[in-house]
Amino acid sequence: MKKRKTFGQIIITAMFIWSALLCHFEASSLRETGDILNATLYWFFGLTAVLGAFRFKIAELIYGLIEFKNKNKK
């Protein structure tokens, strides 16, 4: 299951991380102005961007869990 990362995948991963940082800084400024609801939404969007950046590691974890489950069934 070892797959080489292409240049496009690396760029997209970097953009996910950049989006998460932008969302965090926007949420921090919204919290300082007292807009907690929008700040919470921005932090949620930042969290989903971080999860997008780790999409390959999350997929490896899920495949590993499925493989572990199938080995223990037999």
C-alpha atoms as a PDB file:
ATOM      1  CA  MET A   1       0.000   0.000   0.000  1.00  0.00           C
ATOM      2  CA  LYS A   2       3.033   2.258  -0.125  1.00  0.00           C
ATOM      3  CA  LYS A   3       2.227   4.987  -2.615  1.00  0.00           C
ATOM      4  CA  ARG A   4       4.531   7.727  -3.775  1.00  0.00           C
ATOM      5  CA  LYS A   5       3.279  11.222  -3.247  1.00  0.00           C
ATOM      6  CA  THR A   6       3.005  13.324  -6.330  1.00  0.00           C
ATOM      7  CA  PHE A   7       3.836  17.003  -6.435  1.00  0.00           C
ATOM      8  CA  GLY A   8       0.133  17.864  -6.706  1.00  0.00           C
ATOM      9  CA  GLN A   9      -0.700  15.926  -3.544  1.00  0.00           C
ATOM     10  CA  ILE A  10       2.032  17.755  -1.650  1.00  0.00           C
ATOM     11  CA  ILE A  11       0.727  21.138  -2.825  1.00  0.00           C
ATOM     12  CA  ILE A  12      -2.851  20.274  -1.863  1.00  0.00           C
ATOM     13  CA  THR A  13      -1.708  19.102   1.576  1.00  0.00           C
ATOM     14  CA  ALA A  14       0.179  22.376   2.076  1.00  0.00           C
ATOM     15  CA  MET A  15      -2.929  24.330   1.065  1.00  0.00           C
ATOM     16  CA  PHE A  16      -5.035  22.412   3.593  1.00  0.00           C
ATOM     17  CA  ILE A  17      -2.562  23.407   6.310  1.00  0.00           C
ATOM     18  CA  TRP A  18      -2.536  27.016   5.074  1.00  0.00           C
ATOM     19  CA  SER A  19      -6.346  27.090   5.151  1.00  0.00           C
ATOM     20  CA  ALA A  20      -6.350  25.739   8.698  1.00  0.00           C
ATOM     21  CA  LEU A  21      -3.961  28.496   9.796  1.00  0.00           C
ATOM     22  CA  LEU A  22      -6.066  31.182   8.135  1.00  0.00           C
ATOM     23  CA  CYS A  23      -9.213  29.834   9.772  1.00  0.00           C
ATOM     24  CA  HIS A  24      -7.513  29.802  13.176  1.00  0.00           C
ATOM     25  CA  PHE A  25      -6.307  33.397  12.906  1.00  0.00           C
ATOM     26  CA  GLU A  26      -9.706  34.586  11.679  1.00  0.00           C
ATOM     27  CA  ALA A  27     -11.419  32.720  14.536  1.00  0.00           C
ATOM     28  CA  SER A  28      -9.043  34.276  17.048  1.00  0.00           C
ATOM     29  CA  SER A  29      -9.821  37.780  15.814  1.00  0.00           C
ATOM     30  CA  LEU A  30     -13.562  37.050  15.822  1.00  0.00           C
ATOM     31  CA  ARG A  31     -13.334  35.780  19.401  1.00  0.00           C
ATOM     32  CA  GLU A  32     -11.576  38.973  20.473  1.00  0.00           C
ATOM     33  CA  THR A  33     -14.427  41.037  19.017  1.00  0.00           C
ATOM     34  CA  GLY A  34     -16.971  38.881  20.849  1.00  0.00           C
ATOM     35  CA  ASP A  35     -18.397  36.912  17.920  1.00  0.00           C
ATOM     36  CA  ILE A  36     -18.139  33.462  19.535  1.00  0.00           C
ATOM     37  CA  LEU A  37     -20.523  31.658  17.142  1.00  0.00           C
ATOM     38  CA  ASN A  38     -18.595  32.592  14.012  1.00  0.00           C
ATOM     39  CA  ALA A  39     -15.286  31.950  15.781  1.00  0.00           C
ATOM     40  CA  THR A  40     -16.457  28.440  16.651  1.00  0.00           C
ATOM     41  CA  LEU A  41     -17.483  27.850  13.048  1.00  0.00           C
ATOM     42  CA  TYR A  42     -14.079  29.000  11.795  1.00  0.00           C
ATOM     43  CA  TRP A  43     -12.329  26.690  14.262  1.00  0.00           C
ATOM     44  CA  PHE A  44     -14.491  23.805  13.046  1.00  0.00           C
ATOM     45  CA  PHE A  45     -13.542  24.636   9.448  1.00  0.00           C
ATOM     46  CA  GLY A  46      -9.895  24.748  10.502  1.00  0.00           C
ATOM     47  CA  LEU A  47     -10.238  21.322  12.111  1.00  0.00           C
ATOM     48  CA  THR A  48     -11.698  19.866   8.919  1.00  0.00           C
ATOM     49  CA  ALA A  49      -8.832  21.406   6.949  1.00  0.00           C
ATOM     50  CA  VAL A  50      -6.311  19.730   9.280  1.00  0.00           C
ATOM     51  CA  LEU A  51      -8.148  16.428   8.816  1.00  0.00           C
ATOM     52  CA  GLY A  52      -7.905  16.988   5.065  1.00  0.00           C
ATOM     53  CA  ALA A  53      -4.165  17.492   5.378  1.00  0.00           C
ATOM     54  CA  PHE A  54      -3.857  14.158   7.185  1.00  0.00           C
ATOM     55  CA  ARG A  55      -6.177  12.335   4.770  1.00  0.00           C
ATOM     56  CA  PHE A  56      -3.556   9.786   3.712  1.00  0.00           C
ATOM     57  CA  LYS A  57      -2.583   8.943   7.289  1.00  0.00           C
ATOM     58  CA  ILE A  58      -6.252   8.619   8.248  1.00  0.00           C
ATOM     59  CA  ALA A  59      -6.799   6.272   5.291  1.00  0.00           C
ATOM     60  CA  GLU A  60      -3.783   4.163   6.344  1.00  0.00           C
ATOM     61  CA  LEU A  61      -5.185   3.940   9.869  1.00  0.00           C
ATOM     62  CA  ILE A  62      -8.606   2.835   8.626  1.00  0.00           C
ATOM     63  CA  TYR A  63      -7.106   0.259   6.246  1.00  0.00           C
ATOM     64  CA  GLY A  64      -4.962  -1.031   9.100  1.00  0.00           C
ATOM     65  CA  LEU A  65      -7.981  -1.366  11.378  1.00  0.00           C
ATOM     66  CA  ILE A  66      -9.925  -3.222   8.679  1.00  0.00           C
ATOM     67  CA  GLU A  67      -6.973  -5.520   8.073  1.00  0.00           C
ATOM     68  CA  PHE A  68      -6.613  -6.144  11.827  1.00  0.00           C
ATOM     69  CA  LYS A  69     -10.331  -6.894  12.105  1.00  0.00           C
ATOM     70  CA  ASN A  70     -10.229  -9.321   9.175  1.00  0.00           C
ATOM     71  CA  LYS A  71      -7.192 -11.164  10.580  1.00  0.00           C
ATOM     72  CA  ASN A  72      -8.847 -11.645  13.959  1.00  0.00           C
ATOM     73  CA  LYS A  73     -12.098 -12.902  12.422  1.00  0.00           C
ATOM     74  CA  LYS A  74     -10.485 -16.053  11.076  1.00  0.00           C
END
